[in-house]
Amino acid sequence: MTEFRKLCPGENGSYILHCAIKLDSIIMVRWLLARGADIDHKIDGNTALHEAILCNYREIVDILLDHGADPNVEDSLSRTPLYLAVYNEDVEVVSILLDRDANIEISDNTGKTPLHRAAIAGSEKIAQLLLNAGANPSAVENDGGTPLHIAVDYKNARMVSILLDNGANVDAKKKNGETPLHEAAISGSEKIARLLLTAKADFSAVDVDGETPLHFAISVRDSVVASILLEYGSDVNVKTGSFDRTPLHLAAHMSRWDIAQVLLEYGASLSAVDYYHETPLHTAVRCAPLDFLRQLLNYIKQKCDLNVLNAQPGRDGFTALRMAIDRGSADHVEMLLRNGARFTLCSASGESDLDAALESSNERIKKSGQDFTEWMAMEGRPSLPGLPGHTPSSWS
């Protein structure tokens, strides 16, 4: 160091050492180290070893380590040389650092370990090196996420398999309660969903909002992953923690008949009610287009009495028909009537659906009520379903 100070008064050699590394000048690096340059001094948060790794100069990495460079020193973002080597996807330098006893569990300022970073990079070889060296496959970052969460989110089935084979917790939860299976449902990876379920992932796990992976799959309109979850035993009638919606309510809300059909095939309840006491029929009337309602009504007619469902008082005590009337949706009103909904049912307030129709500002809805009133008078029947010209048998 004395000799070096004669060359650079007031300087510990670190700045020139960093410059030599950036220039890939091995001769200069050796010369500076031989004369006492401070090997672990930081410039802009990086030591000489950080710099060499960022520059991908493997020979210099070896030289620095041979001269006692700390393999576990952290930069300004708490990243170790090993973390940066993984970031660069440099298998050789990762191996060098592991051989020099680099700490495999030191995390960066977001809580990510080198294994988290390997999962992000999709570097299967590096991930296996880290795991072989004892890396924790279930290490958690600041948001509670594990390397498995990341591998699932990046749709890397091979990485998922490697982590599972090395003991990763298949049901680890992030702070928001999401498991890797929730992530698979969001990302829509059929293969990964099966991998997790084969590894006994809990398909009933709920996030902080009480939603299961099945709810997630439906929320992103993924009928394939929804089918897989049901195939493995997911509860078709499980309700969300908020608003008590079943998967069928969600399918109606998302206007996805393909998903609704799968749910119904697995026994989804048509009479289940949510927080607002609405059945999936109410939700379809409120949210879904006419084609969804048509297909749902066709299914209902085959399975049960439409008016049992229509009679269920939903939000504000109204029937599904009354909801359609109040929304001014003539198409939905006529669709319900043609499929057998009764106009004469009363709401909790005592006002009948027929009264509401006759008072509607929508002329088509009002005319439906007027025609129905005339038809009842002609038939001499106070309570029959349908529109004029239809007999009771036609509504079966």
Protein backbone atom coordinates (compact mmCIF):
# COMPACT_ATOMS: atom_id res chain seq x y z
CA MET A 1 0.00 0.00 0.00
CA THR A 2 2.92 2.34 0.77
CA GLU A 3 4.26 1.90 -2.75
CA PHE A 4 0.78 2.47 -4.19
CA ARG A 5 0.28 5.66 -2.21
CA LYS A 6 3.46 7.04 -3.68
CA LEU A 7 1.86 6.57 -7.09
CA CYS A 8 -1.58 7.88 -6.11
CA PRO A 9 -1.41 10.13 -3.03
CA GLY A 10 -4.67 10.12 -1.02
CA GLU A 11 -6.06 7.21 -3.01
CA ASN A 12 -6.59 3.65 -1.80
CA GLY A 13 -6.42 2.28 -5.31
CA SER A 14 -10.03 1.24 -5.56
CA TYR A 15 -10.99 3.75 -8.24
CA ILE A 16 -8.10 2.74 -10.49
CA LEU A 17 -8.84 -0.92 -9.75
CA HIS A 18 -12.42 -0.46 -10.90
CA CYS A 19 -11.19 1.29 -14.04
CA ALA A 20 -8.79 -1.55 -14.75
CA ILE A 21 -11.62 -4.06 -14.38
CA LYS A 22 -13.87 -2.14 -16.76
CA LEU A 23 -11.01 -2.14 -19.28
CA ASP A 24 -10.57 -5.90 -18.76
CA SER A 25 -6.91 -5.24 -18.03
CA ILE A 26 -5.81 -8.34 -16.18
CA ILE A 27 -2.19 -7.14 -16.00
CA MET A 28 -3.23 -3.86 -14.37
CA VAL A 29 -5.60 -5.63 -11.96
CA ARG A 30 -2.80 -7.96 -10.82
CA TRP A 31 -0.37 -5.05 -10.52
CA LEU A 32 -2.79 -2.99 -8.42
CA LEU A 33 -3.68 -5.88 -6.13
CA ALA A 34 -0.01 -6.70 -5.64
CA ARG A 35 0.54 -3.14 -4.47
CA GLY A 36 -2.28 -3.11 -1.93
CA ALA A 37 -5.34 -1.70 -3.70
CA ASP A 38 -8.40 -2.01 -1.42
CA ILE A 39 -10.21 -4.96 -2.96
CA ASP A 40 -13.54 -4.54 -1.12
CA HIS A 41 -13.87 -0.77 -1.28
CA LYS A 42 -17.19 0.31 -2.83
CA ILE A 43 -17.67 2.84 -5.59
CA ASP A 44 -21.30 3.69 -6.35
CA GLY A 45 -22.26 0.76 -4.14
CA ASN A 46 -20.18 -1.84 -5.99
CA THR A 47 -16.96 -3.57 -4.99
CA ALA A 48 -14.39 -4.71 -7.53
CA LEU A 49 -15.98 -8.17 -7.48
CA HIS A 50 -19.42 -6.77 -8.25
CA GLU A 51 -17.86 -4.83 -11.12
CA ALA A 52 -16.08 -7.85 -12.58
CA ILE A 53 -19.26 -9.92 -12.49
CA LEU A 54 -21.34 -7.17 -14.08
CA CYS A 55 -18.73 -6.96 -16.84
CA ASN A 56 -18.71 -10.76 -17.30
CA TYR A 57 -14.93 -10.95 -16.79
CA ARG A 58 -14.58 -14.43 -15.33
CA GLU A 59 -10.80 -14.51 -15.13
CA ILE A 60 -10.79 -11.28 -13.14
CA VAL A 61 -13.47 -12.76 -10.83
CA ASP A 62 -11.09 -15.64 -10.10
CA ILE A 63 -8.17 -13.27 -9.52
CA LEU A 64 -10.17 -11.12 -7.09
CA LEU A 65 -11.37 -14.14 -5.14
CA ASP A 66 -7.82 -15.51 -4.99
CA HIS A 67 -6.77 -12.20 -3.46
CA GLY A 68 -9.45 -12.41 -0.77
CA ALA A 69 -12.41 -10.52 -2.22
CA ASP A 70 -15.49 -10.97 -0.04
CA PRO A 71 -17.99 -13.15 -1.99
CA ASN A 72 -20.85 -12.06 0.27
CA VAL A 73 -20.51 -8.29 0.25
CA GLU A 74 -23.72 -6.49 -0.77
CA ASP A 75 -24.15 -3.61 -3.20
CA SER A 76 -26.45 -0.61 -2.69
CA LEU A 77 -29.47 -2.82 -3.52
CA SER A 78 -28.32 -5.57 -1.13
CA ARG A 79 -27.28 -7.78 -4.05
CA THR A 80 -24.34 -10.12 -3.51
CA PRO A 81 -21.86 -11.15 -6.21
CA LEU A 82 -23.73 -14.48 -6.41
CA TYR A 83 -27.02 -12.68 -6.95
CA LEU A 84 -25.48 -10.66 -9.79
CA ALA A 85 -23.98 -13.78 -11.37
CA VAL A 86 -27.43 -15.37 -11.34
CA TYR A 87 -28.87 -12.14 -12.73
CA ASN A 88 -26.37 -12.39 -15.60
CA GLU A 89 -27.25 -16.08 -16.04
CA ASP A 90 -23.53 -16.85 -15.85
CA VAL A 91 -23.38 -20.52 -14.91
CA GLU A 92 -19.58 -20.59 -14.69
CA VAL A 93 -19.32 -17.65 -12.29
CA VAL A 94 -22.18 -19.03 -10.19
CA SER A 95 -20.22 -22.28 -9.89
CA ILE A 96 -17.03 -20.39 -9.00
CA LEU A 97 -18.79 -18.45 -6.24
CA LEU A 98 -20.49 -21.52 -4.84
CA ASP A 99 -17.11 -23.25 -4.69
CA ARG A 100 -15.86 -20.24 -2.69
CA ASP A 101 -18.67 -20.69 -0.14
CA ALA A 102 -20.82 -17.78 -1.27
CA ASN A 103 -23.93 -17.43 0.89
CA ILE A 104 -26.89 -18.70 -1.15
CA GLU A 105 -29.61 -17.17 1.03
CA ILE A 106 -28.68 -13.48 1.19
CA SER A 107 -31.59 -11.58 -0.35
CA ASP A 108 -31.75 -8.26 -2.16
CA ASN A 109 -33.73 -5.24 -0.96
CA THR A 110 -36.98 -6.82 -2.21
CA GLY A 111 -36.32 -10.04 -0.32
CA LYS A 112 -35.43 -12.07 -3.40
CA THR A 113 -32.72 -14.70 -2.99
CA PRO A 114 -30.50 -15.91 -5.85
CA LEU A 115 -33.01 -18.74 -6.35
CA HIS A 116 -35.85 -16.25 -6.81
CA ARG A 117 -33.70 -14.52 -9.43
CA ALA A 118 -32.96 -17.84 -11.16
CA ALA A 119 -36.70 -18.49 -11.34
CA ILE A 120 -37.24 -15.05 -12.89
CA ALA A 121 -34.47 -15.65 -15.43
CA GLY A 122 -35.79 -19.13 -16.16
CA SER A 123 -32.28 -20.53 -15.76
CA GLU A 124 -32.94 -24.15 -14.88
CA LYS A 125 -29.26 -25.12 -14.69
CA ILE A 126 -28.47 -22.32 -12.25
CA ALA A 127 -31.54 -23.14 -10.17
CA GLN A 128 -30.38 -26.73 -9.92
CA LEU A 129 -26.86 -25.62 -8.93
CA LEU A 130 -28.30 -23.46 -6.16
CA LEU A 131 -30.61 -26.20 -4.95
CA ASN A 132 -27.77 -28.72 -4.96
CA ALA A 133 -25.82 -26.26 -2.82
CA GLY A 134 -28.68 -26.17 -0.32
CA ALA A 135 -30.75 -23.18 -1.41
CA ASN A 136 -34.14 -23.00 0.29
CA PRO A 137 -36.77 -23.76 -2.40
CA SER A 138 -39.44 -22.08 -0.26
CA ALA A 139 -37.59 -18.87 0.63
CA VAL A 140 -39.96 -15.91 0.80
CA GLU A 141 -39.45 -12.40 -0.56
CA ASN A 142 -41.00 -9.26 0.90
CA ASP A 143 -44.47 -9.95 -0.52
CA GLY A 144 -44.33 -13.56 0.69
CA GLY A 145 -43.71 -14.98 -2.76
CA THR A 146 -41.51 -18.04 -3.22
CA PRO A 147 -39.43 -19.14 -6.22
CA LEU A 148 -42.33 -21.48 -7.05
CA HIS A 149 -44.75 -18.55 -7.26
CA ILE A 150 -42.36 -16.87 -9.70
CA ALA A 151 -41.87 -19.99 -11.83
CA VAL A 152 -45.64 -20.41 -12.09
CA ASP A 153 -46.16 -16.74 -12.90
CA TYR A 154 -43.57 -16.98 -15.69
CA LYS A 155 -45.24 -20.16 -16.99
CA ASN A 156 -42.02 -22.16 -16.71
CA ALA A 157 -43.22 -25.74 -16.27
CA ARG A 158 -39.70 -27.18 -16.16
CA MET A 159 -38.69 -24.78 -13.39
CA VAL A 160 -41.87 -25.66 -11.50
CA SER A 161 -40.96 -29.35 -11.74
CA ILE A 162 -37.40 -28.72 -10.53
CA LEU A 163 -38.62 -26.77 -7.51
CA LEU A 164 -41.29 -29.32 -6.63
CA ASP A 165 -38.78 -32.16 -6.97
CA ASN A 166 -36.56 -30.33 -4.50
CA GLY A 167 -39.22 -29.90 -1.85
CA ALA A 168 -40.77 -26.51 -2.59
CA ASN A 169 -43.90 -25.84 -0.54
CA VAL A 170 -46.70 -26.30 -3.06
CA ASP A 171 -49.17 -24.41 -0.85
CA ALA A 172 -46.97 -21.49 0.20
CA LYS A 173 -49.00 -18.29 0.51
CA LYS A 174 -48.02 -14.75 -0.39
CA LYS A 175 -49.15 -11.95 1.90
CA ASN A 176 -52.29 -11.61 -0.22
CA GLY A 177 -53.04 -15.27 0.42
CA GLU A 178 -52.32 -16.46 -3.11
CA THR A 179 -50.79 -19.91 -3.53
CA PRO A 180 -48.89 -21.12 -6.60
CA LEU A 181 -52.17 -22.72 -7.74
CA HIS A 182 -53.87 -19.31 -7.62
CA GLU A 183 -51.02 -18.02 -9.79
CA ALA A 184 -51.48 -20.91 -12.22
CA ALA A 185 -55.18 -20.10 -12.49
CA ILE A 186 -54.35 -16.48 -13.29
CA SER A 187 -51.63 -17.31 -15.81
CA GLY A 188 -53.81 -19.91 -17.51
CA SER A 189 -51.18 -22.62 -17.68
CA GLU A 190 -52.94 -25.96 -18.05
CA LYS A 191 -49.71 -27.96 -17.72
CA ILE A 192 -48.57 -26.15 -14.58
CA ALA A 193 -52.00 -26.44 -12.97
CA ARG A 194 -51.80 -30.21 -13.45
CA LEU A 195 -48.24 -30.33 -12.09
CA LEU A 196 -49.31 -28.52 -8.93
CA LEU A 197 -52.46 -30.57 -8.46
CA THR A 198 -50.51 -33.80 -8.99
CA ALA A 199 -48.19 -32.55 -6.23
CA LYS A 200 -51.30 -32.32 -4.00
CA ALA A 201 -51.78 -28.56 -4.15
CA ASP A 202 -54.77 -27.44 -2.09
CA PHE A 203 -57.47 -26.47 -4.58
CA SER A 204 -59.57 -25.14 -1.69
CA ALA A 205 -56.97 -22.60 -0.52
CA VAL A 206 -58.37 -19.08 -0.29
CA ASP A 207 -56.70 -15.69 -0.65
CA VAL A 208 -57.38 -12.69 1.59
CA ASP A 209 -60.68 -12.13 -0.23
CA GLY A 210 -61.77 -15.72 0.29
CA GLU A 211 -61.32 -16.67 -3.37
CA THR A 212 -60.13 -20.10 -4.48
CA PRO A 213 -58.10 -20.95 -7.59
CA LEU A 214 -61.41 -21.85 -9.27
CA HIS A 215 -62.70 -18.32 -8.72
CA PHE A 216 -59.44 -17.00 -10.16
CA ALA A 217 -59.70 -19.18 -13.27
CA ILE A 218 -63.23 -17.95 -13.92
CA SER A 219 -62.28 -14.32 -13.30
CA VAL A 220 -59.76 -14.55 -16.17
CA ARG A 221 -62.28 -16.46 -18.32
CA ASP A 222 -60.25 -19.68 -18.45
CA SER A 223 -62.59 -22.61 -18.99
CA VAL A 224 -59.73 -25.11 -19.42
CA VAL A 225 -58.06 -24.48 -16.06
CA ALA A 226 -61.50 -24.28 -14.43
CA SER A 227 -62.27 -27.73 -15.84
CA ILE A 228 -58.97 -29.11 -14.54
CA LEU A 229 -59.65 -27.78 -11.04
CA LEU A 230 -63.10 -29.36 -11.05
CA GLU A 231 -61.63 -32.61 -12.36
CA TYR A 232 -59.31 -32.74 -9.34
CA GLY A 233 -62.15 -32.09 -6.91
CA SER A 234 -62.54 -28.35 -6.49
CA ASP A 235 -65.89 -27.46 -4.87
CA VAL A 236 -68.16 -26.26 -7.66
CA ASN A 237 -70.33 -24.29 -5.22
CA VAL A 238 -67.64 -22.71 -3.06
CA LYS A 239 -68.44 -19.09 -2.24
CA THR A 240 -66.08 -16.13 -2.21
CA GLY A 241 -65.31 -14.52 1.12
CA SER A 242 -66.63 -11.24 -0.20
CA PHE A 243 -70.18 -11.09 -1.59
CA ASP A 244 -70.62 -14.89 -1.28
CA ARG A 245 -70.54 -15.46 -5.03
CA THR A 246 -70.33 -19.02 -6.30
CA PRO A 247 -68.35 -19.91 -9.42
CA LEU A 248 -71.64 -19.92 -11.36
CA HIS A 249 -72.41 -16.39 -10.19
CA LEU A 250 -68.98 -15.36 -11.47
CA ALA A 251 -69.47 -17.12 -14.80
CA ALA A 252 -72.75 -15.24 -15.24
CA HIS A 253 -71.06 -12.00 -14.22
CA MET A 254 -68.30 -12.64 -16.79
CA SER A 255 -70.90 -13.66 -19.42
CA ARG A 256 -69.07 -16.93 -20.12
CA TRP A 257 -71.54 -19.65 -21.03
CA ASP A 258 -68.73 -22.12 -21.82
CA ILE A 259 -67.58 -21.89 -18.20
CA ALA A 260 -71.14 -21.92 -16.85
CA GLN A 261 -71.82 -25.07 -18.83
CA VAL A 262 -68.78 -26.82 -17.32
CA LEU A 263 -69.85 -25.75 -13.83
CA LEU A 264 -73.39 -27.00 -14.39
CA GLU A 265 -72.05 -30.34 -15.63
CA TYR A 266 -70.20 -30.65 -12.30
CA GLY A 267 -73.35 -29.88 -10.33
CA ALA A 268 -73.30 -26.12 -9.83
CA SER A 269 -76.34 -24.96 -7.87
CA LEU A 270 -78.84 -22.82 -9.73
CA SER A 271 -80.48 -21.77 -6.46
CA ALA A 272 -77.36 -20.64 -4.56
CA VAL A 273 -77.64 -17.04 -3.40
CA ASP A 274 -74.92 -14.45 -2.92
CA TYR A 275 -74.61 -11.64 -0.39
CA TYR A 276 -77.44 -9.78 -2.11
CA HIS A 277 -79.64 -12.90 -2.14
CA GLU A 278 -79.29 -13.12 -5.89
CA THR A 279 -79.22 -16.43 -7.74
CA PRO A 280 -77.08 -16.92 -10.86
CA LEU A 281 -80.29 -16.16 -12.80
CA HIS A 282 -80.47 -12.72 -11.17
CA THR A 283 -76.81 -12.15 -12.02
CA ALA A 284 -77.38 -13.19 -15.63
CA VAL A 285 -80.28 -10.76 -15.95
CA ARG A 286 -78.24 -7.96 -14.42
CA CYS A 287 -74.90 -8.55 -16.14
CA ALA A 288 -75.03 -11.00 -19.03
CA PRO A 289 -76.01 -10.48 -22.66
CA LEU A 290 -79.18 -11.98 -24.08
CA ASP A 291 -77.47 -15.05 -25.54
CA PHE A 292 -76.12 -16.11 -22.14
CA LEU A 293 -79.57 -15.70 -20.60
CA ARG A 294 -81.14 -17.71 -23.42
CA GLN A 295 -78.76 -20.63 -22.87
CA LEU A 296 -79.18 -20.49 -19.11
CA LEU A 297 -82.98 -20.52 -19.44
CA ASN A 298 -82.82 -23.48 -21.83
CA TYR A 299 -80.79 -25.36 -19.22
CA ILE A 300 -83.11 -24.34 -16.38
CA LYS A 301 -86.18 -25.58 -18.25
CA GLN A 302 -84.59 -29.03 -18.49
CA LYS A 303 -83.70 -29.20 -14.81
CA CYS A 304 -86.24 -27.32 -12.72
CA ASP A 305 -89.16 -24.90 -12.59
CA LEU A 306 -88.00 -21.48 -13.74
CA ASN A 307 -90.44 -19.78 -11.40
CA VAL A 308 -88.90 -21.41 -8.36
CA LEU A 309 -85.71 -19.54 -9.25
CA ASN A 310 -87.48 -16.41 -10.44
CA ALA A 311 -89.44 -16.29 -7.19
CA GLN A 312 -86.25 -16.08 -5.16
CA PRO A 313 -86.20 -12.44 -3.98
CA GLY A 314 -82.87 -10.90 -4.84
CA ARG A 315 -81.55 -7.40 -4.29
CA ASP A 316 -84.32 -5.15 -2.89
CA GLY A 317 -86.55 -8.22 -2.68
CA PHE A 318 -87.11 -8.31 -6.45
CA THR A 319 -87.45 -11.32 -8.71
CA ALA A 320 -85.20 -11.80 -11.73
CA LEU A 321 -88.10 -10.67 -13.95
CA ARG A 322 -88.63 -7.56 -11.85
CA MET A 323 -84.92 -6.79 -12.08
CA ALA A 324 -85.12 -6.94 -15.89
CA ILE A 325 -88.19 -4.69 -15.84
CA ASP A 326 -86.55 -2.10 -13.61
CA ARG A 327 -83.44 -2.13 -15.79
CA GLY A 328 -85.59 -1.36 -18.80
CA SER A 329 -84.26 -4.36 -20.69
CA ALA A 330 -87.15 -5.35 -22.94
CA ASP A 331 -85.14 -8.15 -24.56
CA HIS A 332 -84.44 -9.77 -21.20
CA VAL A 333 -88.05 -9.32 -20.06
CA GLU A 334 -89.43 -10.95 -23.21
CA MET A 335 -86.87 -13.75 -23.02
CA LEU A 336 -87.92 -14.55 -19.44
CA LEU A 337 -91.61 -14.45 -20.32
CA ARG A 338 -91.21 -16.68 -23.35
CA ASN A 339 -89.44 -19.21 -21.17
CA GLY A 340 -92.18 -19.30 -18.56
CA ALA A 341 -91.49 -16.58 -16.02
CA ARG A 342 -94.72 -15.46 -14.31
CA PHE A 343 -95.70 -11.82 -14.40
CA THR A 344 -97.87 -12.00 -11.31
CA LEU A 345 -95.31 -12.67 -8.61
CA CYS A 346 -95.01 -9.93 -6.00
CA SER A 347 -91.87 -8.32 -4.63
CA ALA A 348 -91.18 -7.83 -0.94
CA SER A 349 -92.87 -4.44 -1.22
CA GLY A 350 -96.11 -6.08 -2.35
CA GLU A 351 -96.01 -4.55 -5.83
CA SER A 352 -96.32 -7.18 -8.55
CA ASP A 353 -93.97 -7.55 -11.49
CA LEU A 354 -97.00 -6.89 -13.68
CA ASP A 355 -97.62 -3.55 -11.94
CA ALA A 356 -94.00 -2.60 -12.52
CA ALA A 357 -94.24 -3.57 -16.21
CA LEU A 358 -97.40 -1.53 -16.72
CA GLU A 359 -95.70 1.49 -15.16
CA SER A 360 -92.46 1.05 -17.14
CA SER A 361 -91.17 3.90 -19.29
CA ASN A 362 -90.04 1.30 -21.82
CA GLU A 363 -92.88 0.91 -24.32
CA ARG A 364 -92.05 -2.72 -25.16
CA ILE A 365 -92.08 -3.71 -21.51
CA LYS A 366 -95.30 -1.79 -20.91
CA LYS A 367 -96.91 -3.46 -23.93
CA SER A 368 -95.83 -6.89 -22.64
CA GLY A 369 -97.68 -6.12 -19.42
CA GLN A 370 -100.75 -4.85 -21.28
CA ASP A 371 -100.84 -7.86 -23.61
CA PHE A 372 -100.47 -10.22 -20.69
CA THR A 373 -103.30 -8.51 -18.83
CA GLU A 374 -105.59 -8.81 -21.86
CA TRP A 375 -104.63 -12.45 -22.35
CA MET A 376 -105.39 -13.31 -18.73
CA ALA A 377 -108.79 -11.64 -19.07
CA MET A 378 -109.58 -13.62 -22.24
CA GLU A 379 -108.45 -16.87 -20.67
CA GLY A 380 -110.18 -16.14 -17.39
CA ARG A 381 -107.00 -17.08 -15.56
CA PRO A 382 -105.54 -14.88 -12.85
CA SER A 383 -102.06 -16.41 -12.88
CA LEU A 384 -100.50 -18.07 -15.91
CA PRO A 385 -97.04 -17.71 -17.41
CA GLY A 386 -96.09 -16.20 -20.68
CA LEU A 387 -97.08 -13.91 -23.48
CA PRO A 388 -100.34 -13.83 -25.47
CA GLY A 389 -100.85 -16.77 -27.78
CA HIS A 390 -99.05 -19.26 -25.55
CA THR A 391 -100.83 -22.04 -23.71
CA PRO A 392 -99.62 -23.44 -20.39
CA SER A 393 -98.27 -26.56 -22.11
CA SER A 394 -96.04 -24.44 -24.33
CA TRP A 395 -94.13 -23.20 -21.28
CA SER A 396 -93.10 -26.64 -20.03
